[in-house]
């Protein structure tokens, strides 16, 4: 029963990791698309927001991977 509960909680973090990785790819593609508009103020602002979004989505993916591996460890209490 405990093992099933741990697997259910782990699957939620796996889903979060998958979504964050997908969003990181979309954001990286958008940065490539708008990289040529860096000469205007709006282009710089858009690239800044895209880059910060990329940082947060990668951080979310890494965080959920850490939690998922921590939940699967034997030491988890």
PDB file of N, CA and C in Angstrom:
ATOM      1  N   UNK A   1       0.817  -1.184   0.000  1.00  0.00           N
ATOM      2  CA  UNK A   1       0.000   0.000   0.000  1.00  0.00           C
ATOM      3  C   UNK A   1       0.869   1.260   0.000  1.00  0.00           C
ATOM      4  N   UNK A   2       1.936   1.238   0.805  1.00  0.00           N
ATOM      5  CA  UNK A   2       2.831   2.392   0.862  1.00  0.00           C
ATOM      6  C   UNK A   2       3.531   2.579  -0.475  1.00  0.00           C
ATOM      7  N   UNK A   3       3.917   1.479  -1.086  1.00  0.00           N
ATOM      8  CA  UNK A   3       4.585   1.541  -2.382  1.00  0.00           C
ATOM      9  C   UNK A   3       3.667   2.130  -3.452  1.00  0.00           C
ATOM     10  N   UNK A   4       2.418   1.765  -3.444  1.00  0.00           N
ATOM     11  CA  UNK A   4       1.461   2.301  -4.418  1.00  0.00           C
ATOM     12  C   UNK A   4       1.256   3.799  -4.195  1.00  0.00           C
ATOM     13  N   UNK A   5       1.180   4.216  -2.940  1.00  0.00           N
ATOM     14  CA  UNK A   5       1.018   5.642  -2.641  1.00  0.00           C
ATOM     15  C   UNK A   5       2.241   6.437  -3.096  1.00  0.00           C
ATOM     16  N   UNK A   6       3.436   5.883  -2.891  1.00  0.00           N
ATOM     17  CA  UNK A   6       4.643   6.564  -3.335  1.00  0.00           C
ATOM     18  C   UNK A   6       4.700   6.647  -4.853  1.00  0.00           C
ATOM     19  N   UNK A   7       4.265   5.614  -5.547  1.00  0.00           N
ATOM     20  CA  UNK A   7       4.262   5.634  -7.009  1.00  0.00           C
ATOM     21  C   UNK A   7       3.272   6.657  -7.548  1.00  0.00           C
ATOM     22  N   UNK A   8       2.124   6.797  -6.895  1.00  0.00           N
ATOM     23  CA  UNK A   8       1.145   7.797  -7.326  1.00  0.00           C
ATOM     24  C   UNK A   8       1.684   9.214  -7.160  1.00  0.00           C
ATOM     25  N   UNK A   9       2.345   9.473  -6.047  1.00  0.00           N
ATOM     26  CA  UNK A   9       2.926  10.797  -5.830  1.00  0.00           C
ATOM     27  C   UNK A   9       4.075  11.053  -6.795  1.00  0.00           C
ATOM     28  N   UNK A  10       4.841  10.017  -7.097  1.00  0.00           N
ATOM     29  CA  UNK A  10       5.955  10.159  -8.029  1.00  0.00           C
ATOM     30  C   UNK A  10       5.459  10.434  -9.437  1.00  0.00           C
ATOM     31  N   UNK A  11       4.337   9.849  -9.819  1.00  0.00           N
ATOM     32  CA  UNK A  11       3.827  10.065 -11.171  1.00  0.00           C
ATOM     33  C   UNK A  11       3.401  11.515 -11.372  1.00  0.00           C
ATOM     34  N   UNK A  12       2.935  12.187 -10.331  1.00  0.00           N
ATOM     35  CA  UNK A  12       2.589  13.606 -10.447  1.00  0.00           C
ATOM     36  C   UNK A  12       3.825  14.440 -10.763  1.00  0.00           C
ATOM     37  N   UNK A  13       4.942  14.131 -10.097  1.00  0.00           N
ATOM     38  CA  UNK A  13       6.171  14.876 -10.357  1.00  0.00           C
ATOM     39  C   UNK A  13       6.730  14.543 -11.736  1.00  0.00           C
ATOM     40  N   UNK A  14       6.533  13.330 -12.195  1.00  0.00           N
ATOM     41  CA  UNK A  14       6.946  12.970 -13.542  1.00  0.00           C
ATOM     42  C   UNK A  14       6.151  13.762 -14.567  1.00  0.00           C
ATOM     43  N   UNK A  15       4.863  13.929 -14.334  1.00  0.00           N
ATOM     44  CA  UNK A  15       4.027  14.736 -15.227  1.00  0.00           C
ATOM     45  C   UNK A  15       4.483  16.193 -15.227  1.00  0.00           C
ATOM     46  N   UNK A  16       4.816  16.716 -14.059  1.00  0.00           N
ATOM     47  CA  UNK A  16       5.303  18.086 -13.968  1.00  0.00           C
ATOM     48  C   UNK A  16       6.609  18.259 -14.727  1.00  0.00           C
ATOM     49  N   UNK A  17       7.485  17.268 -14.623  1.00  0.00           N
ATOM     50  CA  UNK A  17       8.756  17.320 -15.337  1.00  0.00           C
ATOM     51  C   UNK A  17       8.534  17.311 -16.840  1.00  0.00           C
ATOM     52  N   UNK A  18       7.603  16.485 -17.298  1.00  0.00           N
ATOM     53  CA  UNK A  18       7.311  16.409 -18.728  1.00  0.00           C
ATOM     54  C   UNK A  18       6.760  17.732 -19.247  1.00  0.00           C
ATOM     55  N   UNK A  19       5.843  18.322 -18.526  1.00  0.00           N
ATOM     56  CA  UNK A  19       5.249  19.601 -18.946  1.00  0.00           C
ATOM     57  C   UNK A  19       6.289  20.713 -18.929  1.00  0.00           C
ATOM     58  N   UNK A  20       7.116  20.760 -17.894  1.00  0.00           N
ATOM     59  CA  UNK A  20       8.142  21.802 -17.809  1.00  0.00           C
ATOM     60  C   UNK A  20       9.169  21.652 -18.923  1.00  0.00           C
ATOM     61  N   UNK A  21       9.516  20.429 -19.278  1.00  0.00           N
ATOM     62  CA  UNK A  21      10.455  20.207 -20.373  1.00  0.00           C
ATOM     63  C   UNK A  21       9.854  20.640 -21.702  1.00  0.00           C
ATOM     64  N   UNK A  22       8.582  20.333 -21.912  1.00  0.00           N
ATOM     65  CA  UNK A  22       7.898  20.764 -23.125  1.00  0.00           C
ATOM     66  C   UNK A  22       7.855  22.284 -23.220  1.00  0.00           C
ATOM     67  N   UNK A  23       7.509  22.941 -22.119  1.00  0.00           N
ATOM     68  CA  UNK A  23       7.447  24.398 -22.127  1.00  0.00           C
ATOM     69  C   UNK A  23       8.824  25.030 -22.315  1.00  0.00           C
ATOM     70  N   UNK A  24       9.865  24.368 -21.832  1.00  0.00           N
ATOM     71  CA  UNK A  24      11.221  24.862 -22.068  1.00  0.00           C
ATOM     72  C   UNK A  24      11.559  24.826 -23.547  1.00  0.00           C
ATOM     73  N   UNK A  25      11.151  23.772 -24.221  1.00  0.00           N
ATOM     74  CA  UNK A  25      11.386  23.677 -25.661  1.00  0.00           C
ATOM     75  C   UNK A  25      10.633  24.736 -26.435  1.00  0.00           C
ATOM     76  N   UNK A  26       9.389  24.988 -26.047  1.00  0.00           N
ATOM     77  CA  UNK A  26       8.597  26.022 -26.712  1.00  0.00           C
ATOM     78  C   UNK A  26       9.217  27.395 -26.483  1.00  0.00           C
ATOM     79  N   UNK A  27       9.646  27.652 -25.275  1.00  0.00           N
ATOM     80  CA  UNK A  27      10.249  28.943 -24.963  1.00  0.00           C
ATOM     81  C   UNK A  27      11.568  29.127 -25.711  1.00  0.00           C
ATOM     82  N   UNK A  28      12.378  28.075 -25.795  1.00  0.00           N
ATOM     83  CA  UNK A  28      13.636  28.171 -26.541  1.00  0.00           C
ATOM     84  C   UNK A  28      13.369  28.451 -28.017  1.00  0.00           C
ATOM     85  N   UNK A  29      12.333  27.859 -28.558  1.00  0.00           N
ATOM     86  CA  UNK A  29      11.970  28.133 -29.953  1.00  0.00           C
ATOM     87  C   UNK A  29      11.529  29.582 -30.139  1.00  0.00           C
ATOM     88  N   UNK A  30      10.791  30.105 -29.175  1.00  0.00           N
ATOM     89  CA  UNK A  30      10.354  31.494 -29.267  1.00  0.00           C
ATOM     90  C   UNK A  30      11.535  32.462 -29.139  1.00  0.00           C
ATOM     91  N   UNK A  31      12.516  32.116 -28.332  1.00  0.00           N
ATOM     92  CA  UNK A  31      13.707  32.964 -28.219  1.00  0.00           C
ATOM     93  C   UNK A  31      14.439  32.998 -29.558  1.00  0.00           C
ATOM     94  N   UNK A  32      14.522  31.851 -30.231  1.00  0.00           N
ATOM     95  CA  UNK A  32      15.170  31.819 -31.541  1.00  0.00           C
ATOM     96  C   UNK A  32      14.396  32.658 -32.551  1.00  0.00           C
ATOM     97  N   UNK A  33      13.085  32.651 -32.463  1.00  0.00           N
ATOM     98  CA  UNK A  33      12.258  33.402 -33.402  1.00  0.00           C
ATOM     99  C   UNK A  33      12.403  34.904 -33.202  1.00  0.00           C
ATOM    100  N   UNK A  34      12.469  35.346 -31.956  1.00  0.00           N
ATOM    101  CA  UNK A  34      12.505  36.783 -31.675  1.00  0.00           C
ATOM    102  C   UNK A  34      13.914  37.319 -31.476  1.00  0.00           C
ATOM    103  N   UNK A  35      14.941  36.520 -31.702  1.00  0.00           N
ATOM    104  CA  UNK A  35      16.316  36.980 -31.480  1.00  0.00           C
ATOM    105  C   UNK A  35      16.699  38.097 -32.443  1.00  0.00           C
ATOM    106  N   UNK A  36      16.124  38.136 -33.623  1.00  0.00           N
ATOM    107  CA  UNK A  36      16.446  39.184 -34.578  1.00  0.00           C
ATOM    108  C   UNK A  36      15.837  40.527 -34.237  1.00  0.00           C
ATOM    109  N   UNK A  37      14.865  40.563 -33.340  1.00  0.00           N
ATOM    110  CA  UNK A  37      14.194  41.810 -32.947  1.00  0.00           C
ATOM    111  C   UNK A  37      14.846  42.477 -31.747  1.00  0.00           C
ATOM    112  N   UNK A  38      16.092  42.153 -31.475  1.00  0.00           N
ATOM    113  CA  UNK A  38      16.744  42.663 -30.265  1.00  0.00           C
ATOM    114  C   UNK A  38      17.093  44.140 -30.370  1.00  0.00           C
ATOM    115  N   UNK A  39      16.936  44.752 -31.541  1.00  0.00           N
ATOM    116  CA  UNK A  39      17.277  46.161 -31.688  1.00  0.00           C
ATOM    117  C   UNK A  39      16.229  47.103 -31.123  1.00  0.00           C
ATOM    118  N   UNK A  40      14.996  46.649 -30.976  1.00  0.00           N
ATOM    119  CA  UNK A  40      13.933  47.508 -30.466  1.00  0.00           C
ATOM    120  C   UNK A  40      13.718  47.263 -28.976  1.00  0.00           C
ATOM    121  N   UNK A  41      13.096  48.219 -28.331  1.00  0.00           N
ATOM    122  CA  UNK A  41      12.839  48.096 -26.890  1.00  0.00           C
ATOM    123  C   UNK A  41      11.845  46.968 -26.614  1.00  0.00           C
ATOM    124  N   UNK A  42      10.854  46.825 -27.483  1.00  0.00           N
ATOM    125  CA  UNK A  42       9.864  45.761 -27.301  1.00  0.00           C
ATOM    126  C   UNK A  42      10.518  44.397 -27.507  1.00  0.00           C
ATOM    127  N   UNK A  43      11.435  44.307 -28.471  1.00  0.00           N
ATOM    128  CA  UNK A  43      12.147  43.052 -28.707  1.00  0.00           C
ATOM    129  C   UNK A  43      13.013  42.651 -27.532  1.00  0.00           C
ATOM    130  N   UNK A  44      13.694  43.622 -26.958  1.00  0.00           N
ATOM    131  CA  UNK A  44      14.534  43.345 -25.776  1.00  0.00           C
ATOM    132  C   UNK A  44      13.665  42.907 -24.611  1.00  0.00           C
ATOM    133  N   UNK A  45      12.532  43.558 -24.423  1.00  0.00           N
ATOM    134  CA  UNK A  45      11.621  43.199 -23.334  1.00  0.00           C
ATOM    135  C   UNK A  45      11.048  41.796 -23.537  1.00  0.00           C
ATOM    136  N   UNK A  46      10.672  41.484 -24.778  1.00  0.00           N
ATOM    137  CA  UNK A  46      10.135  40.154 -25.066  1.00  0.00           C
ATOM    138  C   UNK A  46      11.194  39.082 -24.838  1.00  0.00           C
ATOM    139  N   UNK A  47      12.425  39.329 -25.288  1.00  0.00           N
ATOM    140  CA  UNK A  47      13.490  38.353 -25.076  1.00  0.00           C
ATOM    141  C   UNK A  47      13.818  38.181 -23.599  1.00  0.00           C
ATOM    142  N   UNK A  48      13.724  39.257 -22.845  1.00  0.00           N
ATOM    143  CA  UNK A  48      13.955  39.163 -21.402  1.00  0.00           C
ATOM    144  C   UNK A  48      12.897  38.282 -20.739  1.00  0.00           C
ATOM    145  N   UNK A  49      11.646  38.485 -21.121  1.00  0.00           N
ATOM    146  CA  UNK A  49      10.577  37.655 -20.552  1.00  0.00           C
ATOM    147  C   UNK A  49      10.693  36.199 -20.992  1.00  0.00           C
ATOM    148  N   UNK A  50      11.050  35.981 -22.260  1.00  0.00           N
ATOM    149  CA  UNK A  50      11.228  34.611 -22.738  1.00  0.00           C
ATOM    150  C   UNK A  50      12.385  33.922 -22.016  1.00  0.00           C
ATOM    151  N   UNK A  51      13.484  34.646 -21.814  1.00  0.00           N
ATOM    152  CA  UNK A  51      14.628  34.051 -21.136  1.00  0.00           C
ATOM    153  C   UNK A  51      14.307  33.741 -19.683  1.00  0.00           C
ATOM    154  N   UNK A  52      13.604  34.655 -18.998  1.00  0.00           N
ATOM    155  CA  UNK A  52      13.232  34.374 -17.602  1.00  0.00           C
ATOM    156  C   UNK A  52      12.246  33.212 -17.530  1.00  0.00           C
ATOM    157  N   UNK A  53      11.354  33.096 -18.507  1.00  0.00           N
ATOM    158  CA  UNK A  53      10.448  31.959 -18.558  1.00  0.00           C
ATOM    159  C   UNK A  53      11.216  30.658 -18.759  1.00  0.00           C
ATOM    160  N   UNK A  54      12.246  30.701 -19.589  1.00  0.00           N
ATOM    161  CA  UNK A  54      13.079  29.521 -19.810  1.00  0.00           C
ATOM    162  C   UNK A  54      13.801  29.109 -18.533  1.00  0.00           C
ATOM    163  N   UNK A  55      14.317  30.084 -17.821  1.00  0.00           N
ATOM    164  CA  UNK A  55      15.015  29.788 -16.557  1.00  0.00           C
ATOM    165  C   UNK A  55      14.056  29.160 -15.551  1.00  0.00           C
ATOM    166  N   UNK A  56      12.849  29.711 -15.430  1.00  0.00           N
ATOM    167  CA  UNK A  56      11.890  29.173 -14.467  1.00  0.00           C
ATOM    168  C   UNK A  56      11.394  27.780 -14.865  1.00  0.00           C
ATOM    169  N   UNK A  57      11.192  27.534 -16.146  1.00  0.00           N
ATOM    170  CA  UNK A  57      10.713  26.210 -16.548  1.00  0.00           C
ATOM    171  C   UNK A  57      11.803  25.156 -16.395  1.00  0.00           C
ATOM    172  N   UNK A  58      13.044  25.506 -16.669  1.00  0.00           N
ATOM    173  CA  UNK A  58      14.139  24.555 -16.439  1.00  0.00           C
ATOM    174  C   UNK A  58      14.303  24.313 -14.940  1.00  0.00           C
ATOM    175  N   UNK A  59      14.191  25.371 -14.145  1.00  0.00           N
ATOM    176  CA  UNK A  59      14.259  25.205 -12.689  1.00  0.00           C
ATOM    177  C   UNK A  59      13.136  24.331 -12.163  1.00  0.00           C
ATOM    178  N   UNK A  60      11.956  24.475 -12.726  1.00  0.00           N
ATOM    179  CA  UNK A  60      10.827  23.636 -12.322  1.00  0.00           C
ATOM    180  C   UNK A  60      11.068  22.173 -12.690  1.00  0.00           C
ATOM    181  N   UNK A  61      11.615  21.940 -13.868  1.00  0.00           N
ATOM    182  CA  UNK A  61      11.900  20.566 -14.283  1.00  0.00           C
ATOM    183  C   UNK A  61      12.957  19.932 -13.388  1.00  0.00           C
ATOM    184  N   UNK A  62      13.998  20.671 -13.079  1.00  0.00           N
ATOM    185  CA  UNK A  62      15.055  20.137 -12.207  1.00  0.00           C
ATOM    186  C   UNK A  62      14.521  19.893 -10.803  1.00  0.00           C
ATOM    187  N   UNK A  63      13.712  20.809 -10.298  1.00  0.00           N
ATOM    188  CA  UNK A  63      13.141  20.656  -8.966  1.00  0.00           C
ATOM    189  C   UNK A  63      12.247  19.420  -8.887  1.00  0.00           C
ATOM    190  N   UNK A  64      11.401  19.226  -9.890  1.00  0.00           N
ATOM    191  CA  UNK A  64      10.521  18.056  -9.844  1.00  0.00           C
ATOM    192  C   UNK A  64      11.313  16.759 -10.011  1.00  0.00           C
ATOM    193  N   UNK A  65      12.407  16.787 -10.783  1.00  0.00           N
ATOM    194  CA  UNK A  65      13.257  15.596 -10.874  1.00  0.00           C
ATOM    195  C   UNK A  65      13.916  15.278  -9.532  1.00  0.00           C
ATOM    196  N   UNK A  66      14.347  16.317  -8.828  1.00  0.00           N
ATOM    197  CA  UNK A  66      14.947  16.090  -7.511  1.00  0.00           C
ATOM    198  C   UNK A  66      13.938  15.517  -6.523  1.00  0.00           C
ATOM    199  N   UNK A  67      12.728  16.057  -6.526  1.00  0.00           N
ATOM    200  CA  UNK A  67      11.690  15.559  -5.624  1.00  0.00           C
ATOM    201  C   UNK A  67      11.314  14.130  -5.994  1.00  0.00           C
ATOM    202  N   UNK A  68      11.225  13.858  -7.296  1.00  0.00           N
ATOM    203  CA  UNK A  68      10.865  12.514  -7.740  1.00  0.00           C
ATOM    204  C   UNK A  68      11.935  11.506  -7.324  1.00  0.00           C
ATOM    205  N   UNK A  69      13.198  11.854  -7.468  1.00  0.00           N
ATOM    206  CA  UNK A  69      14.251  10.926  -7.056  1.00  0.00           C
ATOM    207  C   UNK A  69      14.310  10.795  -5.542  1.00  0.00           C
ATOM    208  N   UNK A  70      13.984  11.863  -4.822  1.00  0.00           N
ATOM    209  CA  UNK A  70      13.966  11.791  -3.369  1.00  0.00           C
ATOM    210  C   UNK A  70      12.826  10.895  -2.895  1.00  0.00           C
ATOM    211  N   UNK A  71      11.697  10.974  -3.551  1.00  0.00           N
ATOM    212  CA  UNK A  71      10.551  10.130  -3.172  1.00  0.00           C
ATOM    213  C   UNK A  71      10.806   8.661  -3.477  1.00  0.00           C
ATOM    214  N   UNK A  72      11.594   8.369  -4.488  1.00  0.00           N
ATOM    215  CA  UNK A  72      11.885   6.974  -4.832  1.00  0.00           C
ATOM    216  C   UNK A  72      13.018   6.389  -3.993  1.00  0.00           C
ATOM    217  N   UNK A  73      13.722   7.222  -3.251  1.00  0.00           N
ATOM    218  CA  UNK A  73      14.850   6.713  -2.471  1.00  0.00           C
ATOM    219  C   UNK A  73      14.350   5.900  -1.280  1.00  0.00           C
ATOM    220  N   UNK A  74      15.211   5.087  -0.781  1.00  0.00           N
ATOM    221  CA  UNK A  74      14.867   4.218   0.355  1.00  0.00           C
ATOM    222  C   UNK A  74      14.825   5.029   1.655  1.00  0.00           C
ATOM    223  N   UNK A  75      15.563   6.109   1.706  1.00  0.00           N
ATOM    224  CA  UNK A  75      15.687   6.885   2.923  1.00  0.00           C
ATOM    225  C   UNK A  75      14.433   7.713   3.197  1.00  0.00           C
ATOM    226  N   UNK A  76      13.546   7.852   2.227  1.00  0.00           N
ATOM    227  CA  UNK A  76      12.350   8.678   2.377  1.00  0.00           C
ATOM    228  C   UNK A  76      11.528   8.205   3.574  1.00  0.00           C
ATOM    229  N   UNK A  77      11.188   9.147   4.473  1.00  0.00           N
ATOM    230  CA  UNK A  77      10.439   8.799   5.671  1.00  0.00           C
ATOM    231  C   UNK A  77       9.023   9.291   5.554  1.00  0.00           C
TER     232      UNK A  77
END
